[in-house]
Amino acid sequence: MNAIELLKADHKLVDGYFQQTEATEEDSEKKALFEKINAELTVHAHIEEKIFYPRLLEEGDEELQDIVKEGLEEHHQVKMFLREIAALADGSEKLDPKLTVLIEDTRHHVMEEEGEMFKMVEEQFDAATLEKLGSEMESEKTSFAKSGAASA
């Protein structure tokens, strides 16, 4: 699977969790869904920041580099919300508003990646490079998920 296909599959999976979160009223269900969202977004951001983004910063043109830098800032913001939501006490009245902002921010980030960044990447990187990046990212995703599960 090439890098862009891998990232789009992650986006689709997380958006499914977002839709389930938006459709439920139960805080306990929302917290359980949040745990899945947190796990997926943590691994996704890790592989982008460790493998995908550095390659784009190294070899992409200036416009692509600017979008990647913005993406890194958006990752920082999403991670902040993930930490804050994870730390909320059960029954907190902040759960819904924080989940709403997390979902909005993440969807905005995905829209920019899929609408702008990925098109530039496909123009600037050949298919073989994207396949190699996808393989590296899949491997890192597996090892990172295992290490995270082991320390949980």
N, C-alpha and C. Protein backbone atom coordinates (compact mmCIF):
# COMPACT_ATOMS: atom_id res chain seq x y z
N MET A 1 0.86 -1.18 0.00
CA MET A 1 0.00 0.00 0.00
C MET A 1 0.90 1.24 0.00
N ASN A 2 0.59 2.19 -0.86
CA ASN A 2 1.45 3.38 -0.86
C ASN A 2 1.10 4.29 0.32
N ALA A 3 1.97 5.25 0.58
CA ALA A 3 1.84 6.10 1.76
C ALA A 3 0.50 6.83 1.81
N ILE A 4 0.09 7.36 0.68
CA ILE A 4 -1.16 8.13 0.66
C ILE A 4 -2.36 7.22 0.89
N GLU A 5 -2.37 6.04 0.30
CA GLU A 5 -3.47 5.10 0.54
C GLU A 5 -3.54 4.71 2.01
N LEU A 6 -2.39 4.49 2.63
CA LEU A 6 -2.33 4.12 4.05
C LEU A 6 -2.91 5.24 4.91
N LEU A 7 -2.50 6.47 4.65
CA LEU A 7 -2.98 7.59 5.45
C LEU A 7 -4.47 7.83 5.24
N LYS A 8 -4.94 7.69 4.00
CA LYS A 8 -6.38 7.84 3.74
C LYS A 8 -7.20 6.75 4.44
N ALA A 9 -6.67 5.54 4.51
CA ALA A 9 -7.36 4.45 5.22
C ALA A 9 -7.47 4.79 6.70
N ASP A 10 -6.40 5.34 7.28
CA ASP A 10 -6.44 5.78 8.68
C ASP A 10 -7.49 6.87 8.86
N HIS A 11 -7.51 7.84 7.96
CA HIS A 11 -8.48 8.94 8.04
C HIS A 11 -9.91 8.39 8.05
N LYS A 12 -10.16 7.45 7.16
CA LYS A 12 -11.51 6.87 7.04
C LYS A 12 -11.90 6.13 8.33
N LEU A 13 -10.97 5.36 8.89
CA LEU A 13 -11.23 4.63 10.12
C LEU A 13 -11.58 5.59 11.27
N VAL A 14 -10.76 6.62 11.43
CA VAL A 14 -10.99 7.58 12.52
C VAL A 14 -12.29 8.34 12.31
N ASP A 15 -12.60 8.70 11.07
CA ASP A 15 -13.85 9.41 10.84
C ASP A 15 -15.05 8.52 11.18
N GLY A 16 -14.93 7.23 10.98
CA GLY A 16 -15.99 6.30 11.41
C GLY A 16 -16.21 6.37 12.91
N TYR A 17 -15.12 6.43 13.67
CA TYR A 17 -15.23 6.59 15.13
C TYR A 17 -15.85 7.94 15.49
N PHE A 18 -15.47 8.99 14.73
CA PHE A 18 -16.06 10.31 14.97
C PHE A 18 -17.58 10.26 14.76
N GLN A 19 -18.01 9.62 13.68
CA GLN A 19 -19.44 9.53 13.40
C GLN A 19 -20.18 8.78 14.50
N GLN A 20 -19.57 7.71 14.99
CA GLN A 20 -20.19 6.96 16.10
C GLN A 20 -20.27 7.83 17.34
N THR A 21 -19.21 8.61 17.61
CA THR A 21 -19.18 9.49 18.77
C THR A 21 -20.29 10.54 18.67
N GLU A 22 -20.45 11.11 17.48
CA GLU A 22 -21.47 12.14 17.29
C GLU A 22 -22.89 11.57 17.40
N ALA A 23 -23.05 10.28 17.15
CA ALA A 23 -24.37 9.65 17.16
C ALA A 23 -24.77 9.14 18.54
N THR A 24 -23.87 9.17 19.50
CA THR A 24 -24.21 8.63 20.82
C THR A 24 -24.39 9.74 21.84
N GLU A 25 -25.24 9.46 22.82
CA GLU A 25 -25.49 10.40 23.91
C GLU A 25 -24.79 9.96 25.19
N GLU A 26 -24.45 8.68 25.26
CA GLU A 26 -23.89 8.10 26.49
C GLU A 26 -22.43 8.47 26.68
N ASP A 27 -22.13 9.10 27.82
CA ASP A 27 -20.74 9.47 28.11
C ASP A 27 -19.82 8.25 28.14
N SER A 28 -20.30 7.14 28.67
CA SER A 28 -19.45 5.95 28.76
C SER A 28 -19.10 5.43 27.36
N GLU A 29 -20.05 5.50 26.43
CA GLU A 29 -19.77 5.10 25.04
C GLU A 29 -18.80 6.07 24.39
N LYS A 30 -19.00 7.37 24.67
CA LYS A 30 -18.10 8.37 24.10
C LYS A 30 -16.68 8.16 24.60
N LYS A 31 -16.53 7.86 25.88
CA LYS A 31 -15.19 7.62 26.43
C LYS A 31 -14.55 6.38 25.79
N ALA A 32 -15.34 5.33 25.58
CA ALA A 32 -14.82 4.12 24.94
C ALA A 32 -14.41 4.41 23.50
N LEU A 33 -15.22 5.16 22.79
CA LEU A 33 -14.86 5.55 21.43
C LEU A 33 -13.64 6.45 21.43
N PHE A 34 -13.56 7.36 22.42
CA PHE A 34 -12.39 8.23 22.51
C PHE A 34 -11.11 7.41 22.66
N GLU A 35 -11.16 6.34 23.43
CA GLU A 35 -9.96 5.50 23.60
C GLU A 35 -9.49 4.97 22.25
N LYS A 36 -10.42 4.57 21.38
CA LYS A 36 -10.06 4.10 20.04
C LYS A 36 -9.51 5.24 19.19
N ILE A 37 -10.17 6.40 19.26
CA ILE A 37 -9.72 7.58 18.52
C ILE A 37 -8.31 7.97 18.95
N ASN A 38 -8.10 8.00 20.26
CA ASN A 38 -6.80 8.38 20.81
C ASN A 38 -5.71 7.43 20.31
N ALA A 39 -5.98 6.15 20.37
CA ALA A 39 -4.98 5.16 19.93
C ALA A 39 -4.67 5.33 18.45
N GLU A 40 -5.71 5.47 17.63
CA GLU A 40 -5.50 5.60 16.18
C GLU A 40 -4.78 6.89 15.82
N LEU A 41 -5.20 8.01 16.40
CA LEU A 41 -4.58 9.29 16.07
C LEU A 41 -3.14 9.36 16.56
N THR A 42 -2.86 8.74 17.70
CA THR A 42 -1.49 8.74 18.22
C THR A 42 -0.55 8.00 17.28
N VAL A 43 -0.95 6.83 16.82
CA VAL A 43 -0.11 6.06 15.89
C VAL A 43 -0.03 6.78 14.55
N HIS A 44 -1.13 7.29 14.07
CA HIS A 44 -1.17 7.99 12.78
C HIS A 44 -0.22 9.19 12.79
N ALA A 45 -0.32 10.02 13.82
CA ALA A 45 0.55 11.19 13.92
C ALA A 45 2.02 10.76 14.01
N HIS A 46 2.27 9.70 14.74
CA HIS A 46 3.64 9.21 14.89
C HIS A 46 4.26 8.84 13.54
N ILE A 47 3.55 8.07 12.73
CA ILE A 47 4.14 7.65 11.46
C ILE A 47 4.27 8.82 10.49
N GLU A 48 3.34 9.77 10.57
CA GLU A 48 3.49 10.95 9.72
C GLU A 48 4.71 11.77 10.15
N GLU A 49 4.86 11.96 11.44
CA GLU A 49 5.95 12.81 11.95
C GLU A 49 7.32 12.14 11.86
N LYS A 50 7.35 10.84 11.96
CA LYS A 50 8.63 10.13 11.94
C LYS A 50 9.10 9.81 10.52
N ILE A 51 8.18 9.50 9.62
CA ILE A 51 8.56 9.01 8.29
C ILE A 51 8.08 9.93 7.17
N PHE A 52 6.78 10.20 7.12
CA PHE A 52 6.20 10.89 5.97
C PHE A 52 6.61 12.36 5.90
N TYR A 53 6.31 13.12 6.94
CA TYR A 53 6.60 14.55 6.93
C TYR A 53 8.09 14.86 6.75
N PRO A 54 9.00 14.16 7.45
CA PRO A 54 10.42 14.47 7.24
C PRO A 54 10.86 14.32 5.78
N ARG A 55 10.33 13.31 5.11
CA ARG A 55 10.68 13.10 3.70
C ARG A 55 10.15 14.26 2.84
N LEU A 56 8.94 14.71 3.15
CA LEU A 56 8.36 15.83 2.40
C LEU A 56 9.13 17.12 2.66
N LEU A 57 9.55 17.32 3.89
CA LEU A 57 10.33 18.51 4.23
C LEU A 57 11.70 18.49 3.55
N GLU A 58 12.25 17.30 3.43
CA GLU A 58 13.58 17.13 2.85
C GLU A 58 13.57 17.29 1.33
N GLU A 59 12.55 16.73 0.68
CA GLU A 59 12.58 16.65 -0.78
C GLU A 59 11.46 17.41 -1.49
N GLY A 60 10.48 17.90 -0.76
CA GLY A 60 9.37 18.61 -1.39
C GLY A 60 9.73 20.05 -1.71
N ASP A 61 8.91 20.67 -2.56
CA ASP A 61 9.15 22.08 -2.88
C ASP A 61 8.70 22.96 -1.71
N GLU A 62 8.93 24.24 -1.82
CA GLU A 62 8.67 25.17 -0.72
C GLU A 62 7.19 25.19 -0.33
N GLU A 63 6.30 25.15 -1.30
CA GLU A 63 4.87 25.17 -1.02
C GLU A 63 4.45 23.93 -0.23
N LEU A 64 4.97 22.78 -0.61
CA LEU A 64 4.68 21.53 0.11
C LEU A 64 5.26 21.60 1.52
N GLN A 65 6.45 22.11 1.64
CA GLN A 65 7.08 22.23 2.97
C GLN A 65 6.24 23.12 3.89
N ASP A 66 5.68 24.20 3.34
CA ASP A 66 4.83 25.09 4.15
C ASP A 66 3.59 24.36 4.66
N ILE A 67 2.98 23.56 3.80
CA ILE A 67 1.78 22.81 4.21
C ILE A 67 2.15 21.78 5.27
N VAL A 68 3.31 21.13 5.12
CA VAL A 68 3.76 20.16 6.12
C VAL A 68 3.99 20.85 7.47
N LYS A 69 4.60 22.01 7.46
CA LYS A 69 4.84 22.74 8.72
C LYS A 69 3.52 23.10 9.40
N GLU A 70 2.53 23.50 8.61
CA GLU A 70 1.20 23.77 9.17
C GLU A 70 0.60 22.48 9.74
N GLY A 71 0.78 21.38 9.02
CA GLY A 71 0.29 20.08 9.49
C GLY A 71 0.90 19.69 10.82
N LEU A 72 2.17 19.97 10.99
CA LEU A 72 2.84 19.66 12.26
C LEU A 72 2.24 20.48 13.40
N GLU A 73 1.91 21.73 13.14
CA GLU A 73 1.27 22.56 14.16
C GLU A 73 -0.13 22.03 14.49
N GLU A 74 -0.84 21.57 13.46
CA GLU A 74 -2.17 20.99 13.70
C GLU A 74 -2.05 19.72 14.52
N HIS A 75 -1.02 18.91 14.26
CA HIS A 75 -0.78 17.72 15.08
C HIS A 75 -0.59 18.11 16.54
N HIS A 76 0.18 19.15 16.77
CA HIS A 76 0.45 19.61 18.14
C HIS A 76 -0.87 19.94 18.85
N GLN A 77 -1.75 20.64 18.14
CA GLN A 77 -3.04 21.02 18.72
C GLN A 77 -3.91 19.79 19.00
N VAL A 78 -3.95 18.85 18.06
CA VAL A 78 -4.75 17.63 18.25
C VAL A 78 -4.22 16.84 19.44
N LYS A 79 -2.90 16.71 19.56
CA LYS A 79 -2.30 15.98 20.68
C LYS A 79 -2.65 16.63 22.02
N MET A 80 -2.71 17.96 22.03
CA MET A 80 -3.09 18.67 23.25
C MET A 80 -4.51 18.27 23.66
N PHE A 81 -5.43 18.25 22.70
CA PHE A 81 -6.81 17.85 23.01
C PHE A 81 -6.88 16.39 23.43
N LEU A 82 -6.12 15.53 22.80
CA LEU A 82 -6.11 14.11 23.21
C LEU A 82 -5.68 13.97 24.67
N ARG A 83 -4.64 14.68 25.06
CA ARG A 83 -4.18 14.62 26.46
C ARG A 83 -5.24 15.17 27.40
N GLU A 84 -5.84 16.30 27.03
CA GLU A 84 -6.85 16.92 27.90
C GLU A 84 -8.07 16.03 28.07
N ILE A 85 -8.53 15.44 26.97
CA ILE A 85 -9.71 14.57 27.05
C ILE A 85 -9.40 13.32 27.87
N ALA A 86 -8.23 12.76 27.67
CA ALA A 86 -7.83 11.55 28.41
C ALA A 86 -7.79 11.83 29.92
N ALA A 87 -7.48 13.06 30.29
CA ALA A 87 -7.34 13.40 31.71
C ALA A 87 -8.66 13.81 32.37
N LEU A 88 -9.74 13.94 31.60
CA LEU A 88 -11.01 14.36 32.17
C LEU A 88 -11.56 13.31 33.13
N ALA A 89 -12.15 13.80 34.19
CA ALA A 89 -12.82 12.92 35.14
C ALA A 89 -14.11 12.40 34.51
N ASP A 90 -14.53 11.22 34.92
CA ASP A 90 -15.80 10.67 34.44
C ASP A 90 -16.92 11.66 34.75
N GLY A 91 -17.80 11.85 33.77
CA GLY A 91 -18.92 12.76 33.96
C GLY A 91 -18.59 14.23 33.75
N SER A 92 -17.41 14.54 33.32
CA SER A 92 -17.02 15.93 33.13
C SER A 92 -17.89 16.60 32.06
N GLU A 93 -18.32 17.81 32.37
CA GLU A 93 -19.12 18.57 31.40
C GLU A 93 -18.27 19.08 30.23
N LYS A 94 -16.96 18.93 30.33
CA LYS A 94 -16.06 19.37 29.26
C LYS A 94 -15.88 18.31 28.17
N LEU A 95 -16.36 17.09 28.41
CA LEU A 95 -16.16 16.01 27.44
C LEU A 95 -16.74 16.36 26.07
N ASP A 96 -18.01 16.71 26.01
CA ASP A 96 -18.64 16.98 24.73
C ASP A 96 -17.99 18.14 23.97
N PRO A 97 -17.77 19.29 24.62
CA PRO A 97 -17.16 20.39 23.86
C PRO A 97 -15.73 20.07 23.38
N LYS A 98 -14.97 19.37 24.20
CA LYS A 98 -13.60 19.04 23.79
C LYS A 98 -13.61 18.01 22.65
N LEU A 99 -14.50 17.04 22.73
CA LEU A 99 -14.62 16.08 21.62
C LEU A 99 -15.04 16.78 20.33
N THR A 100 -15.95 17.73 20.44
CA THR A 100 -16.41 18.47 19.26
C THR A 100 -15.25 19.21 18.61
N VAL A 101 -14.45 19.89 19.39
CA VAL A 101 -13.32 20.64 18.83
C VAL A 101 -12.26 19.69 18.27
N LEU A 102 -12.02 18.59 18.96
CA LEU A 102 -11.07 17.59 18.44
C LEU A 102 -11.53 17.09 17.07
N ILE A 103 -12.80 16.76 16.96
CA ILE A 103 -13.35 16.25 15.70
C ILE A 103 -13.25 17.32 14.61
N GLU A 104 -13.63 18.55 14.92
CA GLU A 104 -13.57 19.63 13.94
C GLU A 104 -12.14 19.87 13.48
N ASP A 105 -11.20 19.96 14.42
CA ASP A 105 -9.80 20.22 14.08
C ASP A 105 -9.21 19.09 13.25
N THR A 106 -9.53 17.87 13.62
CA THR A 106 -8.99 16.72 12.89
C THR A 106 -9.57 16.67 11.48
N ARG A 107 -10.85 16.90 11.36
CA ARG A 107 -11.47 16.90 10.02
C ARG A 107 -10.89 18.00 9.14
N HIS A 108 -10.61 19.15 9.72
CA HIS A 108 -9.99 20.24 8.96
C HIS A 108 -8.59 19.81 8.48
N HIS A 109 -7.84 19.20 9.36
CA HIS A 109 -6.49 18.72 9.03
C HIS A 109 -6.56 17.68 7.90
N VAL A 110 -7.47 16.76 8.00
CA VAL A 110 -7.64 15.71 6.98
C VAL A 110 -8.02 16.35 5.64
N MET A 111 -8.92 17.33 5.68
CA MET A 111 -9.34 17.99 4.45
C MET A 111 -8.15 18.66 3.76
N GLU A 112 -7.27 19.30 4.53
CA GLU A 112 -6.09 19.93 3.95
C GLU A 112 -5.12 18.89 3.40
N GLU A 113 -4.93 17.81 4.15
CA GLU A 113 -4.02 16.77 3.66
C GLU A 113 -4.54 16.17 2.36
N GLU A 114 -5.80 15.74 2.38
CA GLU A 114 -6.35 15.05 1.22
C GLU A 114 -6.64 16.01 0.06
N GLY A 115 -6.96 17.26 0.37
CA GLY A 115 -7.32 18.21 -0.66
C GLY A 115 -6.13 18.94 -1.29
N GLU A 116 -5.07 19.12 -0.52
CA GLU A 116 -3.91 19.88 -1.02
C GLU A 116 -2.63 19.07 -0.97
N MET A 117 -2.25 18.67 0.24
CA MET A 117 -0.95 18.06 0.43
C MET A 117 -0.76 16.80 -0.42
N PHE A 118 -1.70 15.89 -0.37
CA PHE A 118 -1.51 14.61 -1.08
C PHE A 118 -1.39 14.81 -2.59
N LYS A 119 -2.11 15.79 -3.14
CA LYS A 119 -1.99 16.06 -4.58
C LYS A 119 -0.57 16.52 -4.91
N MET A 120 -0.02 17.39 -4.07
CA MET A 120 1.35 17.85 -4.29
C MET A 120 2.34 16.70 -4.16
N VAL A 121 2.11 15.86 -3.17
CA VAL A 121 3.00 14.71 -2.96
C VAL A 121 2.99 13.82 -4.20
N GLU A 122 1.82 13.55 -4.74
CA GLU A 122 1.72 12.70 -5.93
C GLU A 122 2.40 13.34 -7.14
N GLU A 123 2.43 14.66 -7.20
CA GLU A 123 3.11 15.35 -8.29
C GLU A 123 4.63 15.35 -8.11
N GLN A 124 5.09 15.36 -6.86
CA GLN A 124 6.51 15.54 -6.59
C GLN A 124 7.27 14.25 -6.28
N PHE A 125 6.55 13.17 -6.01
CA PHE A 125 7.17 11.89 -5.65
C PHE A 125 6.64 10.81 -6.58
N ASP A 126 7.52 9.94 -7.05
CA ASP A 126 7.07 8.88 -7.96
C ASP A 126 6.41 7.73 -7.19
N ALA A 127 5.74 6.87 -7.95
CA ALA A 127 4.98 5.76 -7.35
C ALA A 127 5.86 4.84 -6.52
N ALA A 128 7.07 4.58 -6.99
CA ALA A 128 7.97 3.68 -6.24
C ALA A 128 8.33 4.28 -4.88
N THR A 129 8.57 5.57 -4.85
CA THR A 129 8.89 6.25 -3.59
C THR A 129 7.71 6.18 -2.63
N LEU A 130 6.51 6.40 -3.16
CA LEU A 130 5.31 6.35 -2.30
C LEU A 130 5.06 4.94 -1.78
N GLU A 131 5.35 3.93 -2.59
CA GLU A 131 5.22 2.53 -2.14
C GLU A 131 6.23 2.25 -1.02
N LYS A 132 7.47 2.70 -1.21
CA LYS A 132 8.52 2.48 -0.20
C LYS A 132 8.15 3.20 1.11
N LEU A 133 7.69 4.42 1.00
CA LEU A 133 7.26 5.16 2.20
C LEU A 133 6.10 4.44 2.88
N GLY A 134 5.16 3.94 2.09
CA GLY A 134 4.02 3.21 2.65
C GLY A 134 4.47 1.97 3.41
N SER A 135 5.43 1.24 2.86
CA SER A 135 5.96 0.05 3.55
C SER A 135 6.64 0.42 4.86
N GLU A 136 7.44 1.48 4.81
CA GLU A 136 8.12 1.94 6.04
C GLU A 136 7.10 2.36 7.09
N MET A 137 6.06 3.05 6.66
CA MET A 137 5.04 3.53 7.59
C MET A 137 4.24 2.37 8.18
N GLU A 138 3.91 1.38 7.35
CA GLU A 138 3.18 0.20 7.86
C GLU A 138 4.01 -0.53 8.91
N SER A 139 5.29 -0.68 8.64
CA SER A 139 6.18 -1.36 9.58
C SER A 139 6.29 -0.58 10.88
N GLU A 140 6.46 0.72 10.77
CA GLU A 140 6.58 1.57 11.97
C GLU A 140 5.27 1.59 12.75
N LYS A 141 4.16 1.58 12.03
CA LYS A 141 2.84 1.57 12.67
C LYS A 141 2.70 0.32 13.54
N THR A 142 3.09 -0.81 13.00
CA THR A 142 3.00 -2.07 13.73
C THR A 142 3.90 -2.06 14.97
N SER A 143 5.15 -1.65 14.79
CA SER A 143 6.07 -1.69 15.93
C SER A 143 5.69 -0.64 16.98
N PHE A 144 5.22 0.53 16.56
CA PHE A 144 4.82 1.57 17.51
C PHE A 144 3.58 1.14 18.29
N ALA A 145 2.63 0.55 17.59
CA ALA A 145 1.40 0.08 18.25
C ALA A 145 1.74 -0.99 19.30
N LYS A 146 2.66 -1.91 18.93
CA LYS A 146 3.08 -2.95 19.89
C LYS A 146 3.76 -2.34 21.10
N SER A 147 4.64 -1.38 20.88
CA SER A 147 5.35 -0.77 22.01
C SER A 147 4.39 0.02 22.88
N GLY A 148 3.40 0.67 22.26
CA GLY A 148 2.39 1.40 23.03
C GLY A 148 1.51 0.48 23.83
N ALA A 149 1.15 -0.66 23.22
CA ALA A 149 0.31 -1.64 23.91
C ALA A 149 1.07 -2.27 25.06
N ALA A 150 2.36 -2.45 24.87
CA ALA A 150 3.19 -3.08 25.90
C ALA A 150 3.33 -2.16 27.12
N SER A 151 3.35 -0.83 26.87
CA SER A 151 3.54 0.09 27.98
C SER A 151 2.22 0.55 28.58
N ALA A 152 1.10 0.15 27.98
CA ALA A 152 -0.21 0.58 28.50
C ALA A 152 -0.61 -0.22 29.73
